[in-house]
N, C-alpha and C. Protein backbone atom coordinates (compact mmCIF):
# COMPACT_ATOMS: atom_id res chain seq x y z
N MET A 1 -175.91 -116.92 9.41
CA MET A 1 -174.76 -116.11 9.06
C MET A 1 -174.68 -116.00 7.54
N GLN A 2 -174.27 -114.85 7.07
CA GLN A 2 -174.20 -114.61 5.62
C GLN A 2 -173.33 -115.64 4.91
N CYS A 3 -172.25 -116.05 5.55
CA CYS A 3 -171.31 -116.96 4.90
C CYS A 3 -171.80 -118.40 4.92
N GLY A 4 -172.86 -118.70 5.64
CA GLY A 4 -173.44 -120.03 5.67
C GLY A 4 -172.86 -120.96 6.71
N PHE A 5 -171.94 -120.50 7.54
CA PHE A 5 -171.34 -121.36 8.54
C PHE A 5 -172.34 -121.64 9.66
N ASP A 6 -172.47 -122.92 10.01
CA ASP A 6 -173.38 -123.33 11.08
C ASP A 6 -172.57 -124.11 12.13
N PRO A 7 -172.19 -123.46 13.23
CA PRO A 7 -171.36 -124.13 14.22
C PRO A 7 -172.06 -125.29 14.92
N SER A 8 -173.37 -125.33 14.89
CA SER A 8 -174.09 -126.40 15.58
C SER A 8 -173.85 -127.76 14.92
N GLN A 9 -173.31 -127.76 13.71
CA GLN A 9 -173.08 -129.00 12.99
C GLN A 9 -171.67 -129.57 13.21
N ILE A 10 -170.87 -128.90 14.04
CA ILE A 10 -169.47 -129.28 14.22
C ILE A 10 -169.22 -129.70 15.66
N GLY A 11 -168.66 -130.88 15.82
CA GLY A 11 -168.20 -131.34 17.13
C GLY A 11 -166.68 -131.41 17.13
N LEU A 12 -166.11 -131.72 18.25
CA LEU A 12 -164.65 -131.76 18.38
C LEU A 12 -164.01 -132.68 17.34
N THR A 13 -164.58 -133.84 17.14
CA THR A 13 -163.96 -134.79 16.22
C THR A 13 -164.09 -134.37 14.76
N GLN A 14 -165.01 -133.43 14.47
CA GLN A 14 -165.16 -132.94 13.10
C GLN A 14 -164.23 -131.76 12.78
N LEU A 15 -163.64 -131.15 13.80
CA LEU A 15 -162.80 -129.97 13.57
C LEU A 15 -161.67 -130.22 12.57
N PRO A 16 -160.87 -131.29 12.71
CA PRO A 16 -159.77 -131.46 11.76
C PRO A 16 -160.23 -131.54 10.30
N GLY A 17 -161.24 -132.34 10.04
CA GLY A 17 -161.74 -132.46 8.67
C GLY A 17 -162.36 -131.17 8.16
N ALA A 18 -163.04 -130.46 9.05
CA ALA A 18 -163.66 -129.19 8.66
C ALA A 18 -162.60 -128.14 8.32
N ILE A 19 -161.51 -128.12 9.07
CA ILE A 19 -160.41 -127.20 8.75
C ILE A 19 -159.87 -127.51 7.37
N ARG A 20 -159.60 -128.78 7.11
CA ARG A 20 -159.07 -129.18 5.79
C ARG A 20 -160.06 -128.82 4.68
N GLN A 21 -161.33 -129.04 4.92
CA GLN A 21 -162.35 -128.76 3.91
C GLN A 21 -162.45 -127.26 3.62
N GLN A 22 -162.39 -126.44 4.66
CA GLN A 22 -162.57 -125.00 4.49
C GLN A 22 -161.46 -124.35 3.66
N VAL A 23 -160.29 -124.95 3.61
CA VAL A 23 -159.19 -124.31 2.87
C VAL A 23 -159.07 -124.78 1.43
N LYS A 24 -159.87 -125.74 1.02
CA LYS A 24 -159.76 -126.27 -0.35
C LYS A 24 -159.96 -125.22 -1.42
N ILE A 25 -160.77 -124.23 -1.15
CA ILE A 25 -161.09 -123.19 -2.13
C ILE A 25 -159.86 -122.38 -2.55
N TRP A 26 -158.86 -122.30 -1.67
CA TRP A 26 -157.77 -121.34 -1.90
C TRP A 26 -156.86 -121.70 -3.05
N ASP A 27 -156.71 -122.96 -3.39
CA ASP A 27 -155.90 -123.30 -4.58
C ASP A 27 -156.50 -122.67 -5.83
N ASP A 28 -157.82 -122.75 -5.98
CA ASP A 28 -158.48 -122.15 -7.15
C ASP A 28 -158.48 -120.63 -7.06
N VAL A 29 -158.79 -120.09 -5.90
CA VAL A 29 -158.84 -118.64 -5.74
C VAL A 29 -157.48 -118.02 -6.08
N LEU A 30 -156.42 -118.64 -5.59
CA LEU A 30 -155.09 -118.05 -5.76
C LEU A 30 -154.46 -118.35 -7.11
N SER A 31 -155.15 -119.10 -7.95
CA SER A 31 -154.66 -119.31 -9.31
C SER A 31 -155.52 -118.54 -10.33
N GLY A 32 -156.43 -117.72 -9.83
CA GLY A 32 -157.31 -116.94 -10.71
C GLY A 32 -156.59 -115.81 -11.40
N PRO A 33 -157.15 -115.33 -12.50
CA PRO A 33 -156.49 -114.29 -13.29
C PRO A 33 -156.42 -112.92 -12.60
N ALA A 34 -157.34 -112.63 -11.70
CA ALA A 34 -157.36 -111.31 -11.05
C ALA A 34 -156.94 -111.41 -9.59
N VAL A 35 -156.05 -112.35 -9.29
CA VAL A 35 -155.69 -112.66 -7.91
C VAL A 35 -155.11 -111.47 -7.15
N LYS A 36 -154.47 -110.56 -7.86
CA LYS A 36 -153.86 -109.40 -7.19
C LYS A 36 -154.70 -108.14 -7.30
N GLN A 37 -155.87 -108.26 -7.90
CA GLN A 37 -156.71 -107.09 -8.15
C GLN A 37 -157.69 -106.87 -7.00
N ARG A 38 -157.67 -105.67 -6.46
CA ARG A 38 -158.65 -105.28 -5.43
C ARG A 38 -159.93 -104.83 -6.12
N PRO A 39 -161.09 -105.26 -5.61
CA PRO A 39 -162.36 -104.81 -6.19
C PRO A 39 -162.59 -103.32 -5.96
N ASP A 40 -162.02 -102.79 -4.88
CA ASP A 40 -162.06 -101.36 -4.59
C ASP A 40 -160.94 -101.10 -3.59
N SER A 41 -160.71 -99.85 -3.28
CA SER A 41 -159.56 -99.50 -2.43
C SER A 41 -159.69 -99.96 -0.98
N ALA A 42 -160.89 -100.27 -0.55
CA ALA A 42 -161.11 -100.67 0.85
C ALA A 42 -161.22 -102.18 1.03
N THR A 43 -161.12 -102.95 -0.05
CA THR A 43 -161.32 -104.39 0.01
C THR A 43 -160.07 -105.11 -0.47
N TRP A 44 -159.64 -106.09 0.30
CA TRP A 44 -158.46 -106.86 -0.08
C TRP A 44 -158.67 -107.60 -1.39
N SER A 45 -157.57 -107.84 -2.08
CA SER A 45 -157.56 -108.71 -3.26
C SER A 45 -157.66 -110.16 -2.79
N PRO A 46 -157.97 -111.08 -3.70
CA PRO A 46 -157.95 -112.50 -3.31
C PRO A 46 -156.60 -112.92 -2.72
N LEU A 47 -155.51 -112.40 -3.26
CA LEU A 47 -154.19 -112.73 -2.72
C LEU A 47 -154.05 -112.24 -1.28
N GLU A 48 -154.49 -111.03 -1.02
CA GLU A 48 -154.40 -110.49 0.34
C GLU A 48 -155.26 -111.30 1.31
N TYR A 49 -156.47 -111.67 0.87
CA TYR A 49 -157.30 -112.53 1.71
C TYR A 49 -156.62 -113.87 1.95
N GLY A 50 -156.01 -114.43 0.91
CA GLY A 50 -155.31 -115.71 1.05
C GLY A 50 -154.17 -115.63 2.06
N ALA A 51 -153.37 -114.58 1.98
CA ALA A 51 -152.27 -114.41 2.92
C ALA A 51 -152.81 -114.24 4.34
N HIS A 52 -153.92 -113.54 4.46
CA HIS A 52 -154.56 -113.38 5.77
C HIS A 52 -155.00 -114.74 6.31
N VAL A 53 -155.61 -115.55 5.47
CA VAL A 53 -156.04 -116.89 5.90
C VAL A 53 -154.85 -117.71 6.35
N ARG A 54 -153.76 -117.66 5.60
CA ARG A 54 -152.54 -118.37 6.01
C ARG A 54 -152.12 -117.93 7.41
N ASP A 55 -152.12 -116.61 7.65
CA ASP A 55 -151.70 -116.10 8.94
C ASP A 55 -152.70 -116.43 10.05
N VAL A 56 -154.00 -116.46 9.72
CA VAL A 56 -155.01 -116.88 10.70
C VAL A 56 -154.70 -118.31 11.15
N LEU A 57 -154.38 -119.18 10.22
CA LEU A 57 -154.06 -120.56 10.56
C LEU A 57 -152.84 -120.64 11.49
N ILE A 58 -151.84 -119.84 11.19
CA ILE A 58 -150.63 -119.82 12.02
C ILE A 58 -150.96 -119.31 13.43
N ILE A 59 -151.67 -118.19 13.50
CA ILE A 59 -152.02 -117.59 14.79
C ILE A 59 -152.88 -118.55 15.62
N MET A 60 -153.85 -119.18 14.99
CA MET A 60 -154.72 -120.10 15.72
C MET A 60 -153.96 -121.33 16.20
N HIS A 61 -153.00 -121.77 15.43
CA HIS A 61 -152.18 -122.91 15.87
C HIS A 61 -151.34 -122.51 17.08
N GLN A 62 -150.79 -121.30 17.06
CA GLN A 62 -150.04 -120.80 18.22
C GLN A 62 -150.95 -120.72 19.44
N ARG A 63 -152.17 -120.23 19.24
CA ARG A 63 -153.10 -120.11 20.35
C ARG A 63 -153.52 -121.48 20.88
N LEU A 64 -153.74 -122.43 19.99
CA LEU A 64 -154.06 -123.79 20.41
C LEU A 64 -152.93 -124.34 21.28
N ASN A 65 -151.70 -124.16 20.84
CA ASN A 65 -150.56 -124.67 21.62
C ASN A 65 -150.46 -124.00 22.98
N LEU A 66 -150.69 -122.69 23.03
CA LEU A 66 -150.69 -121.98 24.32
C LEU A 66 -151.74 -122.56 25.26
N MET A 67 -152.93 -122.78 24.73
CA MET A 67 -154.04 -123.27 25.56
C MET A 67 -153.82 -124.71 26.01
N LEU A 68 -153.07 -125.47 25.23
CA LEU A 68 -152.76 -126.85 25.62
C LEU A 68 -151.65 -126.92 26.66
N THR A 69 -150.76 -125.92 26.68
CA THR A 69 -149.58 -125.99 27.53
C THR A 69 -149.59 -125.05 28.72
N GLN A 70 -150.51 -124.08 28.73
CA GLN A 70 -150.58 -123.14 29.84
C GLN A 70 -152.00 -123.11 30.39
N ASP A 71 -152.12 -122.80 31.66
CA ASP A 71 -153.44 -122.69 32.27
C ASP A 71 -154.01 -121.30 32.00
N ASN A 72 -155.14 -121.27 31.33
CA ASN A 72 -155.88 -120.04 31.04
C ASN A 72 -154.98 -118.90 30.56
N PRO A 73 -154.26 -119.13 29.45
CA PRO A 73 -153.31 -118.11 29.00
C PRO A 73 -154.00 -116.89 28.40
N ASP A 74 -153.27 -115.78 28.44
CA ASP A 74 -153.64 -114.60 27.66
C ASP A 74 -153.19 -114.88 26.24
N LEU A 75 -154.08 -114.72 25.29
CA LEU A 75 -153.76 -114.95 23.88
C LEU A 75 -153.29 -113.63 23.28
N PRO A 76 -152.09 -113.58 22.76
CA PRO A 76 -151.53 -112.32 22.27
C PRO A 76 -152.42 -111.64 21.23
N SER A 77 -152.44 -110.33 21.29
CA SER A 77 -153.19 -109.55 20.30
C SER A 77 -152.55 -109.73 18.93
N TRP A 78 -153.38 -109.52 17.91
CA TRP A 78 -152.90 -109.60 16.54
C TRP A 78 -153.65 -108.57 15.73
N ASP A 79 -152.94 -107.64 15.16
CA ASP A 79 -153.52 -106.61 14.30
C ASP A 79 -153.42 -107.10 12.86
N GLN A 80 -154.54 -107.60 12.34
CA GLN A 80 -154.51 -108.20 11.01
C GLN A 80 -154.20 -107.20 9.91
N ASN A 81 -154.64 -105.98 10.06
CA ASN A 81 -154.34 -104.97 9.03
C ASN A 81 -152.87 -104.59 9.05
N GLN A 82 -152.28 -104.50 10.25
CA GLN A 82 -150.85 -104.22 10.34
C GLN A 82 -150.04 -105.39 9.78
N ALA A 83 -150.50 -106.60 10.05
CA ALA A 83 -149.82 -107.78 9.52
C ALA A 83 -149.83 -107.76 7.99
N ALA A 84 -150.95 -107.33 7.41
CA ALA A 84 -151.04 -107.25 5.94
C ALA A 84 -150.06 -106.23 5.39
N ARG A 85 -149.98 -105.09 6.07
CA ARG A 85 -149.03 -104.05 5.61
C ARG A 85 -147.58 -104.52 5.80
N ASP A 86 -147.27 -105.01 6.98
CA ASP A 86 -145.90 -105.44 7.27
C ASP A 86 -145.48 -106.62 6.39
N GLY A 87 -146.41 -107.52 6.14
CA GLY A 87 -146.12 -108.70 5.34
C GLY A 87 -146.22 -108.48 3.84
N ARG A 88 -146.58 -107.26 3.45
CA ARG A 88 -146.72 -106.92 2.02
C ARG A 88 -147.50 -108.02 1.27
N TYR A 89 -148.66 -108.32 1.83
CA TYR A 89 -149.52 -109.35 1.25
C TYR A 89 -149.73 -109.14 -0.25
N ASP A 90 -149.81 -107.89 -0.68
CA ASP A 90 -150.09 -107.57 -2.08
C ASP A 90 -148.96 -107.98 -3.02
N LEU A 91 -147.78 -108.23 -2.49
CA LEU A 91 -146.62 -108.56 -3.34
C LEU A 91 -146.23 -110.03 -3.28
N LEU A 92 -146.97 -110.83 -2.54
CA LEU A 92 -146.61 -112.23 -2.36
C LEU A 92 -146.89 -113.06 -3.61
N ASN A 93 -146.24 -114.21 -3.68
CA ASN A 93 -146.45 -115.15 -4.77
C ASN A 93 -147.70 -115.97 -4.47
N PRO A 94 -148.73 -115.86 -5.30
CA PRO A 94 -149.99 -116.57 -5.00
C PRO A 94 -149.84 -118.08 -4.87
N ALA A 95 -149.02 -118.70 -5.69
CA ALA A 95 -148.84 -120.15 -5.61
C ALA A 95 -148.19 -120.55 -4.29
N LEU A 96 -147.24 -119.75 -3.85
CA LEU A 96 -146.58 -120.02 -2.57
C LEU A 96 -147.57 -119.85 -1.42
N VAL A 97 -148.40 -118.82 -1.47
CA VAL A 97 -149.41 -118.62 -0.42
C VAL A 97 -150.38 -119.81 -0.39
N ALA A 98 -150.79 -120.30 -1.56
CA ALA A 98 -151.68 -121.46 -1.62
C ALA A 98 -151.03 -122.68 -0.95
N ASP A 99 -149.75 -122.90 -1.25
CA ASP A 99 -149.03 -124.02 -0.63
C ASP A 99 -148.94 -123.83 0.89
N GLU A 100 -148.66 -122.62 1.32
CA GLU A 100 -148.55 -122.34 2.75
C GLU A 100 -149.88 -122.54 3.47
N ILE A 101 -150.98 -122.16 2.82
CA ILE A 101 -152.30 -122.41 3.42
C ILE A 101 -152.51 -123.90 3.62
N ASP A 102 -152.18 -124.69 2.61
CA ASP A 102 -152.34 -126.14 2.72
C ASP A 102 -151.51 -126.71 3.86
N ILE A 103 -150.27 -126.27 3.95
CA ILE A 103 -149.36 -126.78 4.99
C ILE A 103 -149.86 -126.38 6.38
N GLU A 104 -150.19 -125.10 6.54
CA GLU A 104 -150.64 -124.61 7.85
C GLU A 104 -151.96 -125.26 8.27
N ALA A 105 -152.85 -125.45 7.31
CA ALA A 105 -154.14 -126.10 7.62
C ALA A 105 -153.92 -127.54 8.07
N GLN A 106 -153.02 -128.25 7.40
CA GLN A 106 -152.74 -129.64 7.79
C GLN A 106 -152.16 -129.70 9.20
N MET A 107 -151.22 -128.79 9.49
CA MET A 107 -150.61 -128.79 10.82
C MET A 107 -151.63 -128.46 11.91
N LEU A 108 -152.50 -127.48 11.65
CA LEU A 108 -153.51 -127.12 12.64
C LEU A 108 -154.55 -128.23 12.79
N ALA A 109 -154.96 -128.81 11.68
CA ALA A 109 -155.92 -129.92 11.74
C ALA A 109 -155.33 -131.08 12.54
N ASN A 110 -154.06 -131.37 12.31
CA ASN A 110 -153.40 -132.44 13.07
C ASN A 110 -153.32 -132.09 14.55
N GLY A 111 -153.11 -130.81 14.86
CA GLY A 111 -153.11 -130.37 16.25
C GLY A 111 -154.46 -130.62 16.89
N TYR A 112 -155.53 -130.26 16.19
CA TYR A 112 -156.87 -130.48 16.74
C TYR A 112 -157.22 -131.96 16.82
N LYS A 113 -156.65 -132.75 15.95
CA LYS A 113 -156.93 -134.19 15.98
C LYS A 113 -156.42 -134.83 17.28
N GLN A 114 -155.40 -134.22 17.88
CA GLN A 114 -154.82 -134.76 19.11
C GLN A 114 -155.54 -134.29 20.38
N VAL A 115 -156.44 -133.32 20.24
CA VAL A 115 -157.12 -132.76 21.41
C VAL A 115 -158.14 -133.76 21.95
N THR A 116 -158.07 -134.01 23.26
CA THR A 116 -159.03 -134.90 23.91
C THR A 116 -160.27 -134.11 24.33
N ASP A 117 -161.32 -134.83 24.68
CA ASP A 117 -162.54 -134.17 25.16
C ASP A 117 -162.23 -133.28 26.36
N ALA A 118 -161.45 -133.78 27.29
CA ALA A 118 -161.13 -132.99 28.49
C ALA A 118 -160.32 -131.74 28.11
N GLN A 119 -159.37 -131.87 27.22
CA GLN A 119 -158.56 -130.72 26.81
C GLN A 119 -159.39 -129.69 26.06
N SER A 120 -160.43 -130.13 25.39
CA SER A 120 -161.22 -129.21 24.56
C SER A 120 -161.86 -128.08 25.36
N GLN A 121 -161.95 -128.26 26.67
CA GLN A 121 -162.56 -127.24 27.53
C GLN A 121 -161.53 -126.35 28.23
N ARG A 122 -160.25 -126.53 27.90
CA ARG A 122 -159.22 -125.66 28.49
C ARG A 122 -159.44 -124.24 27.99
N PRO A 123 -159.39 -123.25 28.91
CA PRO A 123 -159.69 -121.88 28.52
C PRO A 123 -158.47 -121.05 28.14
N GLY A 124 -158.76 -119.96 27.46
CA GLY A 124 -157.79 -118.91 27.14
C GLY A 124 -158.59 -117.65 26.85
N ARG A 125 -157.92 -116.51 26.89
CA ARG A 125 -158.66 -115.27 26.64
C ARG A 125 -157.79 -114.29 25.86
N ARG A 126 -158.47 -113.59 24.98
CA ARG A 126 -157.81 -112.54 24.22
C ARG A 126 -157.67 -111.30 25.09
N THR A 127 -156.81 -110.40 24.68
CA THR A 127 -156.59 -109.18 25.45
C THR A 127 -157.81 -108.27 25.45
N ASP A 128 -158.75 -108.49 24.52
CA ASP A 128 -159.98 -107.69 24.52
C ASP A 128 -161.03 -108.24 25.47
N GLY A 129 -160.67 -109.32 26.19
CA GLY A 129 -161.58 -109.90 27.17
C GLY A 129 -162.37 -111.09 26.65
N SER A 130 -162.36 -111.35 25.35
CA SER A 130 -163.08 -112.50 24.80
C SER A 130 -162.47 -113.79 25.33
N GLU A 131 -163.34 -114.66 25.84
CA GLU A 131 -162.89 -115.94 26.38
C GLU A 131 -163.25 -117.07 25.44
N PHE A 132 -162.34 -118.03 25.34
CA PHE A 132 -162.52 -119.18 24.48
C PHE A 132 -162.14 -120.44 25.25
N THR A 133 -162.67 -121.55 24.79
CA THR A 133 -162.10 -122.84 25.13
C THR A 133 -161.39 -123.31 23.87
N ILE A 134 -160.63 -124.36 23.98
CA ILE A 134 -159.97 -124.90 22.78
C ILE A 134 -161.02 -125.22 21.73
N PHE A 135 -162.14 -125.79 22.14
CA PHE A 135 -163.19 -126.12 21.18
C PHE A 135 -163.81 -124.88 20.55
N THR A 136 -164.17 -123.88 21.37
CA THR A 136 -164.80 -122.69 20.78
C THR A 136 -163.81 -121.89 19.93
N LEU A 137 -162.52 -121.97 20.25
CA LEU A 137 -161.51 -121.35 19.38
C LEU A 137 -161.52 -122.02 18.01
N GLY A 138 -161.68 -123.33 18.00
CA GLY A 138 -161.77 -124.06 16.73
C GLY A 138 -162.99 -123.65 15.92
N LEU A 139 -164.12 -123.46 16.59
CA LEU A 139 -165.33 -122.99 15.89
C LEU A 139 -165.15 -121.58 15.36
N TYR A 140 -164.51 -120.73 16.16
CA TYR A 140 -164.22 -119.35 15.73
C TYR A 140 -163.34 -119.38 14.48
N LEU A 141 -162.33 -120.23 14.49
CA LEU A 141 -161.46 -120.40 13.32
C LEU A 141 -162.27 -120.81 12.09
N LEU A 142 -163.11 -121.82 12.26
CA LEU A 142 -163.90 -122.31 11.11
C LEU A 142 -164.80 -121.21 10.55
N HIS A 143 -165.40 -120.43 11.44
CA HIS A 143 -166.23 -119.33 10.95
C HIS A 143 -165.39 -118.34 10.17
N ASP A 144 -164.22 -118.01 10.68
CA ASP A 144 -163.34 -117.08 9.98
C ASP A 144 -162.96 -117.63 8.60
N LEU A 145 -162.60 -118.90 8.53
CA LEU A 145 -162.25 -119.51 7.25
C LEU A 145 -163.44 -119.49 6.28
N ALA A 146 -164.61 -119.85 6.78
CA ALA A 146 -165.81 -119.86 5.93
C ALA A 146 -166.14 -118.46 5.45
N HIS A 147 -166.01 -117.49 6.34
CA HIS A 147 -166.35 -116.13 5.97
C HIS A 147 -165.40 -115.58 4.91
N HIS A 148 -164.11 -115.86 5.03
CA HIS A 148 -163.17 -115.36 4.02
C HIS A 148 -163.33 -116.08 2.69
N ALA A 149 -163.70 -117.34 2.71
CA ALA A 149 -164.01 -118.03 1.46
C ALA A 149 -165.22 -117.38 0.80
N TRP A 150 -166.20 -117.04 1.61
CA TRP A 150 -167.39 -116.35 1.10
C TRP A 150 -167.01 -114.99 0.55
N ASP A 151 -166.13 -114.27 1.27
CA ASP A 151 -165.69 -112.95 0.82
C ASP A 151 -165.15 -112.98 -0.61
N VAL A 152 -164.34 -113.98 -0.91
CA VAL A 152 -163.69 -114.00 -2.23
C VAL A 152 -164.50 -114.74 -3.29
N SER A 153 -165.56 -115.41 -2.90
CA SER A 153 -166.29 -116.21 -3.89
C SER A 153 -167.66 -115.66 -4.27
N THR A 154 -168.07 -114.57 -3.64
CA THR A 154 -169.36 -114.00 -3.99
C THR A 154 -169.23 -112.52 -4.32
N ALA A 155 -170.03 -112.08 -5.20
CA ALA A 155 -170.03 -110.65 -5.55
C ALA A 155 -170.43 -109.82 -4.34
N GLU A 156 -171.38 -110.32 -3.55
CA GLU A 156 -171.80 -109.61 -2.36
C GLU A 156 -170.66 -109.50 -1.37
N GLY A 157 -169.89 -110.59 -1.23
CA GLY A 157 -168.75 -110.57 -0.34
C GLY A 157 -167.71 -109.56 -0.75
N GLN A 158 -167.61 -109.28 -2.02
CA GLN A 158 -166.62 -108.34 -2.51
C GLN A 158 -166.96 -106.90 -2.17
N THR A 159 -168.16 -106.65 -1.70
CA THR A 159 -168.52 -105.26 -1.34
C THR A 159 -168.12 -104.92 0.08
N GLY A 160 -167.74 -105.92 0.87
CA GLY A 160 -167.34 -105.66 2.25
C GLY A 160 -165.89 -105.20 2.31
N THR A 161 -165.50 -104.77 3.49
CA THR A 161 -164.11 -104.39 3.67
C THR A 161 -163.38 -105.48 4.42
N ASN A 162 -162.10 -105.40 4.40
CA ASN A 162 -161.29 -106.37 5.10
C ASN A 162 -161.40 -106.08 6.57
């Protein structure tokens, strides 16, 4: 994968630490001088990516809780571009977003720390038909976090769209 994420290196017990590790970049990214500057009109600014990451953490925590408490739940749809518009990501306070990322990552990591081996195989599915287990949802999350860190930290990543 372009972002360098290798899911084969992650087991259930590594998920909490990996979540915490993946978000460390955001304190530096969100304190940068061009945090609100878009590289082009089709690509989010570092602040917009940061707010998206915060919301990804929230959504994934909600999905984890659904999968732990319901049998094979439907995971609600989430339109990330609409969330960015509605949440006015471009106008947010970067320091506050950095703090929120840290808080949400800690809460989600703590949630995954409580997951047992048996629970890790509990299923859920998105409305688009994609099926996950609690464990594969965690891997999907880690890839998303790694990819967005790559997006904001490489010149090549800046050429992609949100």
